[in-house]
PDB file of N, CA and C in Angstrom:
ATOM      1  N   MET A   1     -47.976  55.875  45.792  1.00  0.00           N
ATOM      2  CA  MET A   1     -49.098  54.966  45.873  1.00  0.00           C
ATOM      3  C   MET A   1     -48.870  53.839  44.865  1.00  0.00           C
ATOM      4  N   THR A   2     -49.288  52.644  45.237  1.00  0.00           N
ATOM      5  CA  THR A   2     -49.141  51.510  44.335  1.00  0.00           C
ATOM      6  C   THR A   2     -50.502  51.009  43.876  1.00  0.00           C
ATOM      7  N   CYS A   3     -50.491  50.380  42.732  1.00  0.00           N
ATOM      8  CA  CYS A   3     -51.698  49.825  42.124  1.00  0.00           C
ATOM      9  C   CYS A   3     -52.234  48.693  43.006  1.00  0.00           C
ATOM     10  N   PRO A   4     -53.531  48.697  43.312  1.00  0.00           N
ATOM     11  CA  PRO A   4     -54.091  47.639  44.154  1.00  0.00           C
ATOM     12  C   PRO A   4     -54.174  46.273  43.455  1.00  0.00           C
ATOM     13  N   ILE A   5     -53.997  46.239  42.141  1.00  0.00           N
ATOM     14  CA  ILE A   5     -54.074  44.987  41.395  1.00  0.00           C
ATOM     15  C   ILE A   5     -52.701  44.329  41.274  1.00  0.00           C
ATOM     16  N   CYS A   6     -51.688  45.089  40.829  1.00  0.00           N
ATOM     17  CA  CYS A   6     -50.380  44.484  40.551  1.00  0.00           C
ATOM     18  C   CYS A   6     -49.234  45.051  41.389  1.00  0.00           C
ATOM     19  N   SER A   7     -49.498  46.048  42.200  1.00  0.00           N
ATOM     20  CA  SER A   7     -48.523  46.680  43.098  1.00  0.00           C
ATOM     21  C   SER A   7     -47.452  47.506  42.392  1.00  0.00           C
ATOM     22  N   GLU A   8     -47.641  47.836  41.116  1.00  0.00           N
ATOM     23  CA  GLU A   8     -46.736  48.751  40.404  1.00  0.00           C
ATOM     24  C   GLU A   8     -47.079  50.181  40.821  1.00  0.00           C
ATOM     25  N   ASP A   9     -46.203  51.129  40.484  1.00  0.00           N
ATOM     26  CA  ASP A   9     -46.497  52.536  40.742  1.00  0.00           C
ATOM     27  C   ASP A   9     -47.699  52.976  39.915  1.00  0.00           C
ATOM     28  N   THR A  10     -48.516  53.854  40.470  1.00  0.00           N
ATOM     29  CA  THR A  10     -49.707  54.307  39.753  1.00  0.00           C
ATOM     30  C   THR A  10     -49.354  55.306  38.672  1.00  0.00           C
ATOM     31  N   ALA A  11     -50.225  55.400  37.679  1.00  0.00           N
ATOM     32  CA  ALA A  11     -50.100  56.392  36.615  1.00  0.00           C
ATOM     33  C   ALA A  11     -51.189  57.429  36.845  1.00  0.00           C
ATOM     34  N   PRO A  12     -50.858  58.718  36.743  1.00  0.00           N
ATOM     35  CA  PRO A  12     -51.853  59.762  37.032  1.00  0.00           C
ATOM     36  C   PRO A  12     -53.154  59.610  36.238  1.00  0.00           C
ATOM     37  N   GLU A  13     -53.081  59.194  34.986  1.00  0.00           N
ATOM     38  CA  GLU A  13     -54.299  59.092  34.173  1.00  0.00           C
ATOM     39  C   GLU A  13     -55.175  57.900  34.538  1.00  0.00           C
ATOM     40  N   TYR A  14     -54.637  56.936  35.288  1.00  0.00           N
ATOM     41  CA  TYR A  14     -55.414  55.752  35.685  1.00  0.00           C
ATOM     42  C   TYR A  14     -55.511  55.595  37.194  1.00  0.00           C
ATOM     43  N   ARG A  15     -55.106  56.592  37.932  1.00  0.00           N
ATOM     44  CA  ARG A  15     -55.071  56.506  39.383  1.00  0.00           C
ATOM     45  C   ARG A  15     -56.385  56.022  39.958  1.00  0.00           C
ATOM     46  N   PRO A  16     -56.428  55.085  40.828  1.00  0.00           N
ATOM     47  CA  PRO A  16     -55.364  54.526  41.648  1.00  0.00           C
ATOM     48  C   PRO A  16     -54.660  53.329  41.010  1.00  0.00           C
ATOM     49  N   PHE A  17     -54.866  53.114  39.715  1.00  0.00           N
ATOM     50  CA  PHE A  17     -54.255  51.978  39.034  1.00  0.00           C
ATOM     51  C   PHE A  17     -53.034  52.430  38.247  1.00  0.00           C
ATOM     52  N   CYS A  18     -52.283  51.446  37.729  1.00  0.00           N
ATOM     53  CA  CYS A  18     -51.080  51.759  36.956  1.00  0.00           C
ATOM     54  C   CYS A  18     -51.374  51.799  35.462  1.00  0.00           C
ATOM     55  N   SER A  19     -52.472  51.176  35.041  1.00  0.00           N
ATOM     56  CA  SER A  19     -52.769  51.086  33.611  1.00  0.00           C
ATOM     57  C   SER A  19     -54.251  50.839  33.395  1.00  0.00           C
ATOM     58  N   ARG A  20     -54.641  50.967  32.153  1.00  0.00           N
ATOM     59  CA  ARG A  20     -56.031  50.674  31.774  1.00  0.00           C
ATOM     60  C   ARG A  20     -56.349  49.199  32.053  1.00  0.00           C
ATOM     61  N   ARG A  21     -55.365  48.332  31.820  1.00  0.00           N
ATOM     62  CA  ARG A  21     -55.549  46.894  32.042  1.00  0.00           C
ATOM     63  C   ARG A  21     -55.949  46.614  33.496  1.00  0.00           C
ATOM     64  N   CYS A  22     -55.219  47.174  34.460  1.00  0.00           N
ATOM     65  CA  CYS A  22     -55.537  46.942  35.874  1.00  0.00           C
ATOM     66  C   CYS A  22     -56.877  47.568  36.249  1.00  0.00           C
ATOM     67  N   ALA A  23     -57.204  48.724  35.672  1.00  0.00           N
ATOM     68  CA  ALA A  23     -58.500  49.342  35.928  1.00  0.00           C
ATOM     69  C   ALA A  23     -59.624  48.435  35.415  1.00  0.00           C
ATOM     70  N   ASP A  24     -59.422  47.835  34.239  1.00  0.00           N
ATOM     71  CA  ASP A  24     -60.423  46.934  33.675  1.00  0.00           C
ATOM     72  C   ASP A  24     -60.556  45.648  34.493  1.00  0.00           C
ATOM     73  N   ILE A  25     -59.447  45.137  35.000  1.00  0.00           N
ATOM     74  CA  ILE A  25     -59.488  43.953  35.858  1.00  0.00           C
ATOM     75  C   ILE A  25     -60.322  44.241  37.098  1.00  0.00           C
ATOM     76  N   ASP A  26     -60.104  45.397  37.709  1.00  0.00           N
ATOM     77  CA  ASP A  26     -60.869  45.783  38.900  1.00  0.00           C
ATOM     78  C   ASP A  26     -62.355  45.914  38.583  1.00  0.00           C
ATOM     79  N   LEU A  27     -62.685  46.555  37.471  1.00  0.00           N
ATOM     80  CA  LEU A  27     -64.083  46.708  37.071  1.00  0.00           C
ATOM     81  C   LEU A  27     -64.732  45.344  36.846  1.00  0.00           C
ATOM     82  N   ALA A  28     -64.025  44.439  36.186  1.00  0.00           N
ATOM     83  CA  ALA A  28     -64.563  43.096  35.950  1.00  0.00           C
ATOM     84  C   ALA A  28     -64.810  42.361  37.263  1.00  0.00           C
ATOM     85  N   ARG A  29     -63.947  42.551  38.227  1.00  0.00           N
ATOM     86  CA  ARG A  29     -64.159  41.908  39.534  1.00  0.00           C
ATOM     87  C   ARG A  29     -65.425  42.421  40.198  1.00  0.00           C
ATOM     88  N   TRP A  30     -65.669  43.722  40.108  1.00  0.00           N
ATOM     89  CA  TRP A  30     -66.910  44.279  40.672  1.00  0.00           C
ATOM     90  C   TRP A  30     -68.126  43.728  39.941  1.00  0.00           C
ATOM     91  N   MET A  31     -68.052  43.698  38.608  1.00  0.00           N
ATOM     92  CA  MET A  31     -69.208  43.265  37.815  1.00  0.00           C
ATOM     93  C   MET A  31     -69.496  41.771  37.977  1.00  0.00           C
ATOM     94  N   ASN A  32     -68.478  40.974  38.246  1.00  0.00           N
ATOM     95  CA  ASN A  32     -68.670  39.531  38.423  1.00  0.00           C
ATOM     96  C   ASN A  32     -69.004  39.143  39.858  1.00  0.00           C
ATOM     97  N   GLY A  33     -69.042  40.124  40.754  1.00  0.00           N
ATOM     98  CA  GLY A  33     -69.399  39.850  42.140  1.00  0.00           C
ATOM     99  C   GLY A  33     -68.251  39.364  42.992  1.00  0.00           C
ATOM    100  N   ALA A  34     -67.016  39.491  42.510  1.00  0.00           N
ATOM    101  CA  ALA A  34     -65.864  39.076  43.313  1.00  0.00           C
ATOM    102  C   ALA A  34     -65.715  39.973  44.540  1.00  0.00           C
ATOM    103  N   TYR A  35     -66.094  41.236  44.387  1.00  0.00           N
ATOM    104  CA  TYR A  35     -66.118  42.152  45.518  1.00  0.00           C
ATOM    105  C   TYR A  35     -67.576  42.262  45.939  1.00  0.00           C
ATOM    106  N   SER A  36     -67.824  42.284  47.217  1.00  0.00           N
ATOM    107  CA  SER A  36     -69.195  42.461  47.671  1.00  0.00           C
ATOM    108  C   SER A  36     -69.204  43.196  48.998  1.00  0.00           C
ATOM    109  N   VAL A  37     -70.311  43.825  49.258  1.00  0.00           N
ATOM    110  CA  VAL A  37     -70.514  44.536  50.507  1.00  0.00           C
ATOM    111  C   VAL A  37     -71.526  43.730  51.304  1.00  0.00           C
ATOM    112  N   PRO A  38     -71.179  43.301  52.517  1.00  0.00           N
ATOM    113  CA  PRO A  38     -72.123  42.499  53.299  1.00  0.00           C
ATOM    114  C   PRO A  38     -73.386  43.288  53.635  1.00  0.00           C
ATOM    115  N   SER A  39     -74.479  42.586  53.719  1.00  0.00           N
ATOM    116  CA  SER A  39     -75.764  43.204  54.019  1.00  0.00           C
ATOM    117  C   SER A  39     -76.376  42.537  55.245  1.00  0.00           C
ATOM    118  N   GLN A  40     -77.109  43.291  56.004  1.00  0.00           N
ATOM    119  CA  GLN A  40     -77.826  42.757  57.153  1.00  0.00           C
ATOM    120  C   GLN A  40     -79.187  42.226  56.727  1.00  0.00           C
ATOM    121  N   ARG A  41     -79.585  42.516  55.511  1.00  0.00           N
ATOM    122  CA  ARG A  41     -80.884  42.141  55.005  1.00  0.00           C
ATOM    123  C   ARG A  41     -80.902  40.690  54.545  1.00  0.00           C
ATOM    124  N   GLU A  42     -81.979  40.006  54.829  1.00  0.00           N
ATOM    125  CA  GLU A  42     -82.133  38.639  54.365  1.00  0.00           C
ATOM    126  C   GLU A  42     -82.492  38.659  52.882  1.00  0.00           C
ATOM    127  N   GLU A  43     -81.973  37.702  52.125  1.00  0.00           N
ATOM    128  CA  GLU A  43     -82.249  37.676  50.692  1.00  0.00           C
ATOM    129  C   GLU A  43     -83.632  37.140  50.383  1.00  0.00           C
ATOM    130  N   GLU A  44     -84.047  36.096  51.071  1.00  0.00           N
ATOM    131  CA  GLU A  44     -85.374  35.538  50.862  1.00  0.00           C
ATOM    132  C   GLU A  44     -86.119  35.542  52.187  1.00  0.00           C
ATOM    133  N   GLY A  45     -87.408  35.722  52.109  1.00  0.00           N
ATOM    134  CA  GLY A  45     -88.210  35.696  53.325  1.00  0.00           C
ATOM    135  C   GLY A  45     -88.022  36.934  54.178  1.00  0.00           C
ATOM    136  N   ASP A  46     -87.806  38.088  53.534  1.00  0.00           N
ATOM    137  CA  ASP A  46     -87.689  39.322  54.302  1.00  0.00           C
ATOM    138  C   ASP A  46     -88.907  39.499  55.184  1.00  0.00           C
ATOM    139  N   VAL A  47     -88.697  40.043  56.342  1.00  0.00           N
ATOM    140  CA  VAL A  47     -89.789  40.277  57.281  1.00  0.00           C
ATOM    141  C   VAL A  47     -90.676  41.385  56.732  1.00  0.00           C
ATOM    142  N   VAL A  48     -91.968  41.136  56.710  1.00  0.00           N
ATOM    143  CA  VAL A  48     -92.933  42.124  56.233  1.00  0.00           C
ATOM    144  C   VAL A  48     -93.486  42.860  57.438  1.00  0.00           C
ATOM    145  N   ASP A  49     -93.503  44.176  57.358  1.00  0.00           N
ATOM    146  CA  ASP A  49     -94.026  45.004  58.437  1.00  0.00           C
ATOM    147  C   ASP A  49     -95.550  44.990  58.378  1.00  0.00           C
ATOM    148  N   ASP A  50     -96.186  44.598  59.459  1.00  0.00           N
ATOM    149  CA  ASP A  50     -97.644  44.485  59.510  1.00  0.00           C
ATOM    150  C   ASP A  50     -98.328  45.836  59.752  1.00  0.00           C
ATOM    151  N   GLU A  51     -97.570  46.895  59.942  1.00  0.00           N
ATOM    152  CA  GLU A  51     -98.160  48.196  60.256  1.00  0.00           C
ATOM    153  C   GLU A  51     -98.561  48.977  59.014  1.00  0.00           C
ATOM    154  N   GLY A  52     -98.307  48.474  57.822  1.00  0.00           N
ATOM    155  CA  GLY A  52     -98.695  49.158  56.600  1.00  0.00           C
ATOM    156  C   GLY A  52     -97.582  50.037  56.083  1.00  0.00           C
ATOM    157  N   PRO A  53     -97.890  50.849  55.072  1.00  0.00           N
ATOM    158  CA  PRO A  53     -96.867  51.682  54.448  1.00  0.00           C
ATOM    159  C   PRO A  53     -96.386  52.795  55.389  1.00  0.00           C
ATOM    160  N   LEU A  54     -95.196  53.266  55.111  1.00  0.00           N
ATOM    161  CA  LEU A  54     -94.642  54.372  55.892  1.00  0.00           C
ATOM    162  C   LEU A  54     -95.323  55.683  55.504  1.00  0.00           C
ATOM    163  N   PRO A  55     -95.537  56.594  56.472  1.00  0.00           N
ATOM    164  CA  PRO A  55     -96.140  57.887  56.151  1.00  0.00           C
ATOM    165  C   PRO A  55     -95.159  58.738  55.347  1.00  0.00           C
ATOM    166  N   HIS A  56     -95.705  59.623  54.534  1.00  0.00           N
ATOM    167  CA  HIS A  56     -94.863  60.496  53.703  1.00  0.00           C
ATOM    168  C   HIS A  56     -94.465  61.704  54.436  1.00  0.00           C
TER     169      HIS A  56
END
């Protein structure tokens, strides 16, 4: 398996990365929003359900 950041061989202690540096780079990308998961939800103006709260 190769590191998804630099394509070097992975190290067992940092798998799936090769080093702490590449693991930190990946974490920073997640925290800065470079990676994102698409959503079907609208960010503003979400549709409000007129039927009231959901039953428990």
